[in-house]
Amino acid sequence: MPDKDALSTFDFSKVGGSGLFVKFEAGKPLTLRVLTVDPIVSQVEYESDSGEITLTTKFSFIVYNFTDSKAQILSASPSIAKKIGELHVDSDFGANIRKIDIKITPTGEKLMRRYDVQVLPSARDLTNEQIKECSAIDLPAKVQGDRMSFYDPNKLSGHDLAKAKADELRGGEKEDVVIEDISDEPVNLDDIPF
């Protein structure tokens, strides 16, 4: 059986956007329809090389990605989620995020990455096929966390609870006990039972 030479004809540019989660590239805007009004909030801890632990909060929404023509999960930073929330209640845009299309344009790389979120002047109609594709995503099965309606940002994370417990244990240690019945006489080491 002759080998197929798929490697020479494969379009690698389509691989980056083929996953379940929205991926951003600097300078490449994405047009999305957000369909989740009770996103899942998750907190992920990252440990740096120096041992410092950073807690990152993400808000996950089911979206239809018009740019890549597929249903996906948008794992958004608090700033993007806040903007989505503002648009959702803005009466100028119909006070319903599910009825407007947004364009998110990333700029910069890594720590310098910024996202510009804009409302498009007109919303596209979602087809039945697109709606079915979005409905097929089981968000709680794909993303660990709590629904926003149950999320309490004042509640300590697992890392914070462990740190608080360790601090409590360190602070809660008994003070050194001063033994007053020991004389100043020399101690014979042979008298010690161990």
N, C-alpha and C. Protein backbone atom coordinates (compact mmCIF):
# COMPACT_ATOMS: atom_id res chain seq x y z
N MET A 1 0.85 -1.17 0.00
CA MET A 1 0.00 0.00 0.00
C MET A 1 0.89 1.24 0.00
N PRO A 2 0.73 2.13 -0.96
CA PRO A 2 1.58 3.32 -1.02
C PRO A 2 1.23 4.30 0.09
N ASP A 3 2.25 4.97 0.61
CA ASP A 3 2.04 5.98 1.65
C ASP A 3 1.44 7.24 1.05
N LYS A 4 0.50 7.82 1.77
CA LYS A 4 -0.05 9.11 1.34
C LYS A 4 0.87 10.19 1.87
N ASP A 5 1.07 11.21 1.11
CA ASP A 5 1.92 12.32 1.51
C ASP A 5 1.05 13.46 2.06
N ALA A 6 0.38 13.19 3.18
CA ALA A 6 -0.50 14.20 3.79
C ALA A 6 0.29 15.36 4.36
N LEU A 7 1.50 15.10 4.79
CA LEU A 7 2.32 16.14 5.42
C LEU A 7 2.59 17.31 4.47
N SER A 8 2.77 17.02 3.20
CA SER A 8 3.09 18.10 2.26
C SER A 8 1.89 18.95 1.88
N THR A 9 0.67 18.46 2.11
CA THR A 9 -0.52 19.21 1.71
C THR A 9 -1.38 19.65 2.89
N PHE A 10 -1.00 19.28 4.10
CA PHE A 10 -1.81 19.60 5.29
C PHE A 10 -1.76 21.10 5.58
N ASP A 11 -2.92 21.70 5.89
CA ASP A 11 -3.00 23.12 6.21
C ASP A 11 -2.91 23.29 7.73
N PHE A 12 -1.68 23.55 8.22
CA PHE A 12 -1.44 23.68 9.66
C PHE A 12 -2.07 24.94 10.24
N SER A 13 -2.41 25.91 9.42
CA SER A 13 -3.00 27.15 9.92
C SER A 13 -4.38 26.91 10.53
N LYS A 14 -5.02 25.79 10.19
CA LYS A 14 -6.34 25.49 10.72
C LYS A 14 -6.30 24.72 12.03
N VAL A 15 -5.13 24.28 12.44
CA VAL A 15 -5.00 23.47 13.65
C VAL A 15 -5.21 24.29 14.91
N GLY A 16 -4.68 25.51 14.97
CA GLY A 16 -4.73 26.33 16.17
C GLY A 16 -6.14 26.59 16.67
N GLY A 17 -7.08 26.77 15.79
CA GLY A 17 -8.44 27.09 16.19
C GLY A 17 -9.35 25.89 16.24
N SER A 18 -8.81 24.69 16.20
CA SER A 18 -9.67 23.51 16.06
C SER A 18 -10.10 22.91 17.39
N GLY A 19 -9.62 23.43 18.51
CA GLY A 19 -9.94 22.84 19.80
C GLY A 19 -11.28 23.29 20.35
N LEU A 20 -11.60 22.76 21.51
CA LEU A 20 -12.85 23.09 22.18
C LEU A 20 -12.80 24.48 22.81
N PHE A 21 -11.60 24.95 23.18
CA PHE A 21 -11.46 26.24 23.83
C PHE A 21 -10.99 27.30 22.83
N VAL A 22 -11.54 28.50 22.97
CA VAL A 22 -11.15 29.62 22.12
C VAL A 22 -9.67 29.92 22.37
N LYS A 23 -8.92 30.07 21.29
CA LYS A 23 -7.51 30.44 21.39
C LYS A 23 -7.33 31.78 20.68
N PHE A 24 -6.62 32.68 21.34
CA PHE A 24 -6.39 34.00 20.77
C PHE A 24 -4.98 34.10 20.22
N GLU A 25 -4.86 34.82 19.12
CA GLU A 25 -3.56 35.16 18.53
C GLU A 25 -3.51 36.67 18.42
N ALA A 26 -2.37 37.25 18.77
CA ALA A 26 -2.23 38.71 18.71
C ALA A 26 -2.58 39.21 17.31
N GLY A 27 -3.40 40.23 17.27
CA GLY A 27 -3.77 40.85 16.00
C GLY A 27 -4.85 40.14 15.22
N LYS A 28 -5.32 38.98 15.70
CA LYS A 28 -6.37 38.25 14.99
C LYS A 28 -7.68 38.38 15.78
N PRO A 29 -8.58 39.27 15.34
CA PRO A 29 -9.85 39.43 16.06
C PRO A 29 -10.76 38.23 15.85
N LEU A 30 -11.56 37.93 16.86
CA LEU A 30 -12.54 36.86 16.78
C LEU A 30 -13.93 37.45 17.00
N THR A 31 -14.88 36.99 16.19
CA THR A 31 -16.26 37.40 16.35
C THR A 31 -17.01 36.27 17.04
N LEU A 32 -17.64 36.58 18.17
CA LEU A 32 -18.27 35.56 19.00
C LEU A 32 -19.69 35.96 19.37
N ARG A 33 -20.50 34.94 19.63
CA ARG A 33 -21.80 35.13 20.26
C ARG A 33 -21.72 34.38 21.59
N VAL A 34 -21.88 35.10 22.68
CA VAL A 34 -21.86 34.50 24.02
C VAL A 34 -23.25 33.97 24.31
N LEU A 35 -23.34 32.69 24.71
CA LEU A 35 -24.63 32.06 24.94
C LEU A 35 -24.88 31.68 26.40
N THR A 36 -23.89 31.87 27.25
CA THR A 36 -24.00 31.50 28.66
C THR A 36 -24.20 32.75 29.50
N VAL A 37 -25.24 32.75 30.33
CA VAL A 37 -25.46 33.87 31.24
C VAL A 37 -25.17 33.49 32.69
N ASP A 38 -24.82 32.25 32.94
CA ASP A 38 -24.37 31.80 34.26
C ASP A 38 -23.08 31.00 34.06
N PRO A 39 -21.97 31.72 33.76
CA PRO A 39 -20.72 31.03 33.45
C PRO A 39 -20.17 30.27 34.65
N ILE A 40 -19.22 29.40 34.35
CA ILE A 40 -18.52 28.68 35.41
C ILE A 40 -17.28 29.47 35.79
N VAL A 41 -17.12 29.68 37.09
CA VAL A 41 -15.97 30.41 37.61
C VAL A 41 -15.00 29.40 38.20
N SER A 42 -13.77 29.45 37.73
CA SER A 42 -12.76 28.52 38.25
C SER A 42 -11.53 29.31 38.67
N GLN A 43 -10.84 28.76 39.63
CA GLN A 43 -9.60 29.37 40.10
C GLN A 43 -8.49 28.35 39.95
N VAL A 44 -7.41 28.79 39.32
CA VAL A 44 -6.27 27.92 39.07
C VAL A 44 -5.05 28.54 39.73
N GLU A 45 -4.29 27.71 40.44
CA GLU A 45 -3.07 28.19 41.09
C GLU A 45 -1.87 27.87 40.21
N TYR A 46 -0.98 28.85 40.07
CA TYR A 46 0.27 28.66 39.34
C TYR A 46 1.41 28.96 40.29
N GLU A 47 2.41 28.09 40.26
CA GLU A 47 3.59 28.32 41.10
C GLU A 47 4.75 28.73 40.21
N SER A 48 5.37 29.86 40.55
CA SER A 48 6.49 30.35 39.77
C SER A 48 7.75 29.58 40.16
N ASP A 49 8.83 29.79 39.42
CA ASP A 49 10.09 29.13 39.71
C ASP A 49 10.60 29.50 41.11
N SER A 50 10.22 30.69 41.59
CA SER A 50 10.66 31.14 42.91
C SER A 50 9.79 30.57 44.02
N GLY A 51 8.73 29.84 43.66
CA GLY A 51 7.86 29.24 44.67
C GLY A 51 6.65 30.09 45.01
N GLU A 52 6.55 31.28 44.42
CA GLU A 52 5.41 32.15 44.67
C GLU A 52 4.18 31.59 43.97
N ILE A 53 3.06 31.55 44.70
CA ILE A 53 1.83 31.00 44.15
C ILE A 53 0.90 32.14 43.75
N THR A 54 0.41 32.07 42.51
CA THR A 54 -0.51 33.06 41.98
C THR A 54 -1.84 32.38 41.69
N LEU A 55 -2.91 33.01 42.07
CA LEU A 55 -4.24 32.48 41.84
C LEU A 55 -4.86 33.23 40.67
N THR A 56 -5.32 32.50 39.65
CA THR A 56 -5.93 33.10 38.47
C THR A 56 -7.40 32.68 38.42
N THR A 57 -8.27 33.65 38.23
CA THR A 57 -9.70 33.37 38.13
C THR A 57 -10.11 33.45 36.66
N LYS A 58 -10.87 32.47 36.20
CA LYS A 58 -11.36 32.42 34.83
C LYS A 58 -12.88 32.23 34.85
N PHE A 59 -13.53 32.83 33.86
CA PHE A 59 -14.97 32.72 33.69
C PHE A 59 -15.20 32.02 32.35
N SER A 60 -15.86 30.87 32.38
CA SER A 60 -16.03 30.07 31.16
C SER A 60 -17.45 30.16 30.62
N PHE A 61 -17.55 30.51 29.34
CA PHE A 61 -18.82 30.70 28.63
C PHE A 61 -18.85 29.78 27.42
N ILE A 62 -20.03 29.30 27.06
CA ILE A 62 -20.21 28.65 25.76
C ILE A 62 -20.45 29.77 24.76
N VAL A 63 -19.70 29.72 23.65
CA VAL A 63 -19.82 30.74 22.61
C VAL A 63 -19.91 30.07 21.25
N TYR A 64 -20.48 30.81 20.31
CA TYR A 64 -20.33 30.39 18.92
C TYR A 64 -19.29 31.31 18.32
N ASN A 65 -18.22 30.71 17.81
CA ASN A 65 -17.10 31.44 17.22
C ASN A 65 -17.37 31.55 15.71
N PHE A 66 -17.85 32.72 15.27
CA PHE A 66 -18.14 32.93 13.86
C PHE A 66 -16.86 32.95 13.01
N THR A 67 -15.76 33.40 13.60
CA THR A 67 -14.49 33.46 12.87
C THR A 67 -14.02 32.07 12.47
N ASP A 68 -14.11 31.11 13.39
CA ASP A 68 -13.66 29.75 13.12
C ASP A 68 -14.82 28.80 12.81
N SER A 69 -16.05 29.33 12.76
CA SER A 69 -17.27 28.56 12.43
C SER A 69 -17.43 27.32 13.31
N LYS A 70 -17.44 27.53 14.63
CA LYS A 70 -17.63 26.40 15.55
C LYS A 70 -18.06 26.86 16.94
N ALA A 71 -18.71 25.97 17.64
CA ALA A 71 -19.05 26.19 19.04
C ALA A 71 -17.82 25.90 19.88
N GLN A 72 -17.56 26.76 20.86
CA GLN A 72 -16.38 26.61 21.70
C GLN A 72 -16.66 27.11 23.11
N ILE A 73 -15.66 26.98 23.97
CA ILE A 73 -15.70 27.52 25.32
C ILE A 73 -14.73 28.69 25.38
N LEU A 74 -15.23 29.84 25.83
CA LEU A 74 -14.39 31.00 26.06
C LEU A 74 -14.02 31.02 27.53
N SER A 75 -12.75 30.85 27.82
CA SER A 75 -12.23 30.93 29.19
C SER A 75 -11.69 32.34 29.35
N ALA A 76 -12.50 33.21 29.94
CA ALA A 76 -12.22 34.65 29.95
C ALA A 76 -11.62 35.11 31.27
N SER A 77 -10.77 36.11 31.15
CA SER A 77 -10.21 36.77 32.33
C SER A 77 -11.33 37.59 32.99
N PRO A 78 -11.12 38.00 34.24
CA PRO A 78 -12.13 38.84 34.88
C PRO A 78 -12.44 40.12 34.10
N SER A 79 -11.44 40.72 33.44
CA SER A 79 -11.71 41.96 32.70
C SER A 79 -12.61 41.71 31.49
N ILE A 80 -12.41 40.61 30.78
CA ILE A 80 -13.29 40.29 29.65
C ILE A 80 -14.68 39.92 30.17
N ALA A 81 -14.74 39.13 31.24
CA ALA A 81 -16.03 38.74 31.81
C ALA A 81 -16.80 39.96 32.31
N LYS A 82 -16.09 40.92 32.89
CA LYS A 82 -16.75 42.15 33.36
C LYS A 82 -17.36 42.91 32.18
N LYS A 83 -16.61 43.00 31.09
CA LYS A 83 -17.12 43.68 29.89
C LYS A 83 -18.35 42.96 29.33
N ILE A 84 -18.30 41.64 29.30
CA ILE A 84 -19.45 40.85 28.85
C ILE A 84 -20.64 41.12 29.76
N GLY A 85 -20.40 41.17 31.06
CA GLY A 85 -21.48 41.46 32.02
C GLY A 85 -22.07 42.85 31.81
N GLU A 86 -21.20 43.84 31.54
CA GLU A 86 -21.68 45.20 31.29
C GLU A 86 -22.54 45.25 30.02
N LEU A 87 -22.11 44.56 28.98
CA LEU A 87 -22.88 44.54 27.74
C LEU A 87 -24.21 43.81 27.92
N HIS A 88 -24.20 42.80 28.77
CA HIS A 88 -25.41 41.99 29.02
C HIS A 88 -26.53 42.82 29.64
N VAL A 89 -26.19 43.80 30.45
CA VAL A 89 -27.23 44.60 31.11
C VAL A 89 -27.44 45.97 30.46
N ASP A 90 -26.68 46.26 29.42
CA ASP A 90 -26.77 47.56 28.74
C ASP A 90 -28.00 47.59 27.83
N SER A 91 -28.95 48.45 28.15
CA SER A 91 -30.19 48.52 27.36
C SER A 91 -29.94 49.02 25.93
N ASP A 92 -28.84 49.73 25.70
CA ASP A 92 -28.52 50.17 24.34
C ASP A 92 -28.25 48.99 23.40
N PHE A 93 -27.89 47.85 24.00
CA PHE A 93 -27.61 46.66 23.20
C PHE A 93 -28.65 45.57 23.43
N GLY A 94 -29.81 45.94 23.96
CA GLY A 94 -30.89 44.98 24.14
C GLY A 94 -30.89 44.27 25.47
N ALA A 95 -29.93 44.56 26.33
CA ALA A 95 -29.84 43.97 27.67
C ALA A 95 -29.90 42.44 27.63
N ASN A 96 -29.21 41.85 26.65
CA ASN A 96 -29.13 40.40 26.56
C ASN A 96 -27.92 40.04 25.71
N ILE A 97 -26.87 39.53 26.35
CA ILE A 97 -25.62 39.20 25.65
C ILE A 97 -25.84 38.15 24.57
N ARG A 98 -26.88 37.32 24.72
CA ARG A 98 -27.14 36.25 23.75
C ARG A 98 -27.70 36.76 22.42
N LYS A 99 -28.00 38.05 22.36
CA LYS A 99 -28.58 38.61 21.14
C LYS A 99 -27.64 39.56 20.41
N ILE A 100 -26.39 39.66 20.87
CA ILE A 100 -25.43 40.55 20.20
C ILE A 100 -24.16 39.78 19.86
N ASP A 101 -23.48 40.23 18.85
CA ASP A 101 -22.18 39.66 18.49
C ASP A 101 -21.11 40.61 18.98
N ILE A 102 -20.04 40.03 19.50
CA ILE A 102 -18.92 40.84 19.97
C ILE A 102 -17.66 40.47 19.20
N LYS A 103 -16.77 41.42 19.11
CA LYS A 103 -15.47 41.19 18.49
C LYS A 103 -14.42 41.40 19.57
N ILE A 104 -13.60 40.39 19.78
CA ILE A 104 -12.51 40.49 20.75
C ILE A 104 -11.21 40.50 19.96
N THR A 105 -10.44 41.57 20.16
CA THR A 105 -9.17 41.72 19.45
C THR A 105 -8.03 41.70 20.46
N PRO A 106 -7.19 40.67 20.41
CA PRO A 106 -6.04 40.63 21.31
C PRO A 106 -4.85 41.38 20.72
N THR A 107 -4.12 42.05 21.58
CA THR A 107 -2.88 42.71 21.16
C THR A 107 -1.80 42.36 22.18
N GLY A 108 -0.57 42.31 21.74
CA GLY A 108 0.54 42.00 22.64
C GLY A 108 0.69 40.51 22.86
N GLU A 109 1.76 40.16 23.52
CA GLU A 109 2.07 38.75 23.81
C GLU A 109 2.24 38.53 25.31
N LYS A 110 1.94 37.34 25.76
CA LYS A 110 2.12 36.87 27.13
C LYS A 110 1.61 37.88 28.15
N LEU A 111 2.49 38.37 29.04
CA LEU A 111 2.05 39.27 30.10
C LEU A 111 1.61 40.63 29.59
N MET A 112 1.99 40.97 28.37
CA MET A 112 1.61 42.26 27.79
C MET A 112 0.34 42.16 26.94
N ARG A 113 -0.31 41.01 26.93
CA ARG A 113 -1.52 40.80 26.14
C ARG A 113 -2.68 41.60 26.72
N ARG A 114 -3.39 42.29 25.84
CA ARG A 114 -4.58 43.04 26.19
C ARG A 114 -5.69 42.65 25.21
N TYR A 115 -6.94 42.80 25.66
CA TYR A 115 -8.08 42.41 24.84
C TYR A 115 -9.04 43.59 24.71
N ASP A 116 -9.40 43.92 23.49
CA ASP A 116 -10.38 44.95 23.21
C ASP A 116 -11.69 44.25 22.85
N VAL A 117 -12.74 44.54 23.60
CA VAL A 117 -14.04 43.91 23.37
C VAL A 117 -15.00 44.97 22.84
N GLN A 118 -15.53 44.72 21.64
CA GLN A 118 -16.44 45.66 20.99
C GLN A 118 -17.71 44.95 20.56
N VAL A 119 -18.81 45.69 20.58
CA VAL A 119 -20.09 45.17 20.08
C VAL A 119 -20.15 45.47 18.59
N LEU A 120 -20.56 44.48 17.82
CA LEU A 120 -20.73 44.69 16.38
C LEU A 120 -22.08 45.36 16.12
N PRO A 121 -22.17 46.18 15.08
CA PRO A 121 -23.40 46.95 14.83
C PRO A 121 -24.64 46.09 14.57
N SER A 122 -24.45 44.90 14.01
CA SER A 122 -25.60 44.03 13.79
C SER A 122 -25.22 42.60 14.15
N ALA A 123 -26.22 41.87 14.65
CA ALA A 123 -26.00 40.49 15.06
C ALA A 123 -26.44 39.54 13.95
N ARG A 124 -25.66 38.50 13.77
CA ARG A 124 -26.03 37.47 12.79
C ARG A 124 -27.10 36.56 13.41
N ASP A 125 -27.84 35.90 12.56
CA ASP A 125 -28.79 34.89 13.03
C ASP A 125 -28.03 33.58 13.21
N LEU A 126 -28.26 32.94 14.34
CA LEU A 126 -27.68 31.61 14.56
C LEU A 126 -28.59 30.58 13.88
N THR A 127 -28.00 29.65 13.17
CA THR A 127 -28.77 28.59 12.53
C THR A 127 -29.10 27.52 13.57
N ASN A 128 -30.05 26.66 13.24
CA ASN A 128 -30.39 25.54 14.12
C ASN A 128 -29.17 24.66 14.34
N GLU A 129 -28.38 24.47 13.30
CA GLU A 129 -27.17 23.64 13.40
C GLU A 129 -26.16 24.26 14.38
N GLN A 130 -25.98 25.56 14.32
CA GLN A 130 -25.06 26.24 15.23
C GLN A 130 -25.54 26.16 16.68
N ILE A 131 -26.85 26.30 16.86
CA ILE A 131 -27.44 26.20 18.20
C ILE A 131 -27.27 24.79 18.75
N LYS A 132 -27.48 23.77 17.91
CA LYS A 132 -27.30 22.38 18.34
C LYS A 132 -25.85 22.12 18.72
N GLU A 133 -24.93 22.67 17.94
CA GLU A 133 -23.50 22.50 18.22
C GLU A 133 -23.15 23.11 19.59
N CYS A 134 -23.70 24.28 19.87
CA CYS A 134 -23.45 24.93 21.17
C CYS A 134 -24.11 24.14 22.30
N SER A 135 -25.32 23.64 22.06
CA SER A 135 -26.04 22.88 23.09
C SER A 135 -25.35 21.57 23.43
N ALA A 136 -24.55 21.05 22.51
CA ALA A 136 -23.86 19.78 22.73
C ALA A 136 -22.69 19.91 23.71
N ILE A 137 -22.26 21.13 23.98
CA ILE A 137 -21.13 21.32 24.91
C ILE A 137 -21.65 21.25 26.34
N ASP A 138 -21.13 20.31 27.11
CA ASP A 138 -21.49 20.16 28.52
C ASP A 138 -20.45 20.94 29.33
N LEU A 139 -20.74 22.21 29.57
CA LEU A 139 -19.78 23.10 30.22
C LEU A 139 -19.31 22.59 31.59
N PRO A 140 -20.20 22.15 32.48
CA PRO A 140 -19.73 21.65 33.79
C PRO A 140 -18.84 20.41 33.68
N ALA A 141 -19.01 19.63 32.62
CA ALA A 141 -18.16 18.45 32.45
C ALA A 141 -16.77 18.83 31.92
N LYS A 142 -16.67 19.95 31.24
CA LYS A 142 -15.40 20.36 30.62
C LYS A 142 -14.59 21.32 31.49
N VAL A 143 -15.25 22.05 32.39
CA VAL A 143 -14.57 23.05 33.21
C VAL A 143 -14.93 22.84 34.68
N GLN A 144 -13.92 22.72 35.52
CA GLN A 144 -14.16 22.58 36.95
C GLN A 144 -14.36 23.95 37.57
N GLY A 145 -15.31 24.06 38.45
CA GLY A 145 -15.58 25.32 39.13
C GLY A 145 -17.03 25.39 39.54
N ASP A 146 -17.43 26.57 39.95
CA ASP A 146 -18.79 26.82 40.39
C ASP A 146 -19.49 27.74 39.40
N ARG A 147 -20.77 27.55 39.26
CA ARG A 147 -21.55 28.48 38.46
C ARG A 147 -21.45 29.85 39.14
N MET A 148 -21.48 30.90 38.34
CA MET A 148 -21.36 32.25 38.89
C MET A 148 -22.43 32.51 39.94
N SER A 149 -23.61 31.94 39.75
CA SER A 149 -24.70 32.16 40.71
C SER A 149 -24.38 31.58 42.09
N PHE A 150 -23.40 30.68 42.18
CA PHE A 150 -22.99 30.10 43.47
C PHE A 150 -21.62 30.58 43.92
N TYR A 151 -20.94 31.33 43.09
CA TYR A 151 -19.57 31.75 43.37
C TYR A 151 -19.53 32.89 44.38
N ASP A 152 -18.65 32.76 45.37
CA ASP A 152 -18.46 33.81 46.36
C ASP A 152 -17.00 34.24 46.31
N PRO A 153 -16.72 35.42 45.72
CA PRO A 153 -15.32 35.85 45.59
C PRO A 153 -14.65 36.12 46.93
N ASN A 154 -15.44 36.25 48.01
CA ASN A 154 -14.86 36.49 49.33
C ASN A 154 -14.45 35.20 50.02
N LYS A 155 -14.89 34.07 49.48
CA LYS A 155 -14.55 32.77 50.06
C LYS A 155 -13.11 32.45 49.73
N LEU A 156 -12.39 31.91 50.68
CA LEU A 156 -10.98 31.57 50.46
C LEU A 156 -10.85 30.39 49.52
N SER A 157 -9.82 30.43 48.67
CA SER A 157 -9.52 29.31 47.78
C SER A 157 -8.89 28.19 48.61
N GLY A 158 -8.70 27.04 48.00
CA GLY A 158 -8.05 25.92 48.68
C GLY A 158 -6.66 26.29 49.16
N HIS A 159 -5.91 27.02 48.33
CA HIS A 159 -4.56 27.44 48.72
C HIS A 159 -4.62 28.39 49.91
N ASP A 160 -5.56 29.35 49.87
CA ASP A 160 -5.68 30.31 50.96
C ASP A 160 -6.10 29.61 52.24
N LEU A 161 -6.99 28.61 52.14
CA LEU A 161 -7.40 27.86 53.33
C LEU A 161 -6.23 27.11 53.94
N ALA A 162 -5.40 26.47 53.08
CA ALA A 162 -4.23 25.73 53.58
C ALA A 162 -3.24 26.69 54.24
N LYS A 163 -3.02 27.84 53.63
CA LYS A 163 -2.10 28.83 54.19
C LYS A 163 -2.63 29.35 55.52
N ALA A 164 -3.93 29.65 55.58
CA ALA A 164 -4.54 30.15 56.81
C ALA A 164 -4.42 29.11 57.92
N LYS A 165 -4.63 27.83 57.56
CA LYS A 165 -4.52 26.76 58.55
C LYS A 165 -3.08 26.64 59.06
N ALA A 166 -2.10 26.73 58.15
CA ALA A 166 -0.69 26.65 58.55
C ALA A 166 -0.33 27.84 59.43
N ASP A 167 -0.81 29.03 59.09
CA ASP A 167 -0.55 30.22 59.91
C ASP A 167 -1.18 30.07 61.29
N GLU A 168 -2.38 29.49 61.32
CA GLU A 168 -3.07 29.28 62.58
C GLU A 168 -2.28 28.30 63.46
N LEU A 169 -1.77 27.24 62.81
CA LEU A 169 -1.00 26.26 63.57
C LEU A 169 0.29 26.88 64.11
N ARG A 170 0.96 27.66 63.27
CA ARG A 170 2.19 28.31 63.73
C ARG A 170 1.89 29.31 64.83
N GLY A 171 0.85 30.06 64.68
CA GLY A 171 0.49 31.07 65.67
C GLY A 171 -0.16 30.46 66.90
N GLY A 172 -0.71 29.29 66.72
CA GLY A 172 -1.41 28.65 67.82
C GLY A 172 -0.53 27.71 68.63
N GLU A 173 0.75 27.67 68.32
CA GLU A 173 1.63 26.79 69.11
C GLU A 173 1.70 27.29 70.53
N LYS A 174 1.86 26.34 71.45
CA LYS A 174 1.98 26.71 72.86
C LYS A 174 3.32 27.38 73.08
N GLU A 175 3.30 28.31 74.01
CA GLU A 175 4.55 28.98 74.35
C GLU A 175 5.46 27.99 75.07
N ASP A 176 6.75 28.27 75.02
CA ASP A 176 7.70 27.42 75.73
C ASP A 176 7.35 27.40 77.22
N VAL A 177 7.42 26.21 77.78
CA VAL A 177 7.14 26.05 79.19
C VAL A 177 8.45 26.23 79.95
N VAL A 178 8.41 27.05 80.98
CA VAL A 178 9.59 27.28 81.81
C VAL A 178 9.51 26.33 82.98
N ILE A 179 10.52 25.50 83.11
CA ILE A 179 10.58 24.53 84.21
C ILE A 179 11.40 25.17 85.33
N GLU A 180 10.78 25.27 86.48
CA GLU A 180 11.44 25.98 87.56
C GLU A 180 12.05 25.05 88.60
N ASP A 181 11.81 23.75 88.50
CA ASP A 181 12.31 22.87 89.55
C ASP A 181 13.65 22.24 89.22
N ILE A 182 14.37 22.75 88.27
CA ILE A 182 15.68 22.21 87.92
C ILE A 182 16.73 23.04 88.66
N SER A 183 17.60 22.33 89.31
CA SER A 183 18.63 23.04 90.07
C SER A 183 19.80 23.40 89.17
N ASP A 184 20.70 24.18 89.71
CA ASP A 184 21.88 24.60 88.97
C ASP A 184 23.02 23.60 89.10
N GLU A 185 22.76 22.47 89.74
CA GLU A 185 23.82 21.47 89.92
C GLU A 185 24.14 20.82 88.59
N PRO A 186 25.37 20.34 88.42
CA PRO A 186 25.73 19.66 87.18
C PRO A 186 24.90 18.38 86.99
N VAL A 187 24.63 18.06 85.73
CA VAL A 187 23.82 16.88 85.40
C VAL A 187 24.75 15.76 85.02
N ASN A 188 24.51 14.57 85.62
CA ASN A 188 25.27 13.38 85.28
C ASN A 188 24.55 12.72 84.11
N LEU A 189 25.20 12.65 82.93
CA LEU A 189 24.57 12.08 81.74
C LEU A 189 24.19 10.62 81.90
N ASP A 190 24.84 9.89 82.81
CA ASP A 190 24.49 8.49 83.06
C ASP A 190 23.15 8.37 83.75
N ASP A 191 22.65 9.44 84.34
CA ASP A 191 21.37 9.40 85.03
C ASP A 191 20.18 9.56 84.08
N ILE A 192 20.47 9.94 82.84
CA ILE A 192 19.39 10.14 81.86
C ILE A 192 19.00 8.77 81.31
N PRO A 193 17.69 8.41 81.34
CA PRO A 193 17.27 7.05 80.98
C PRO A 193 17.33 6.73 79.49
N PHE A 194 17.61 7.60 78.63
CA PHE A 194 17.63 7.27 77.20
C PHE A 194 18.96 7.47 76.57
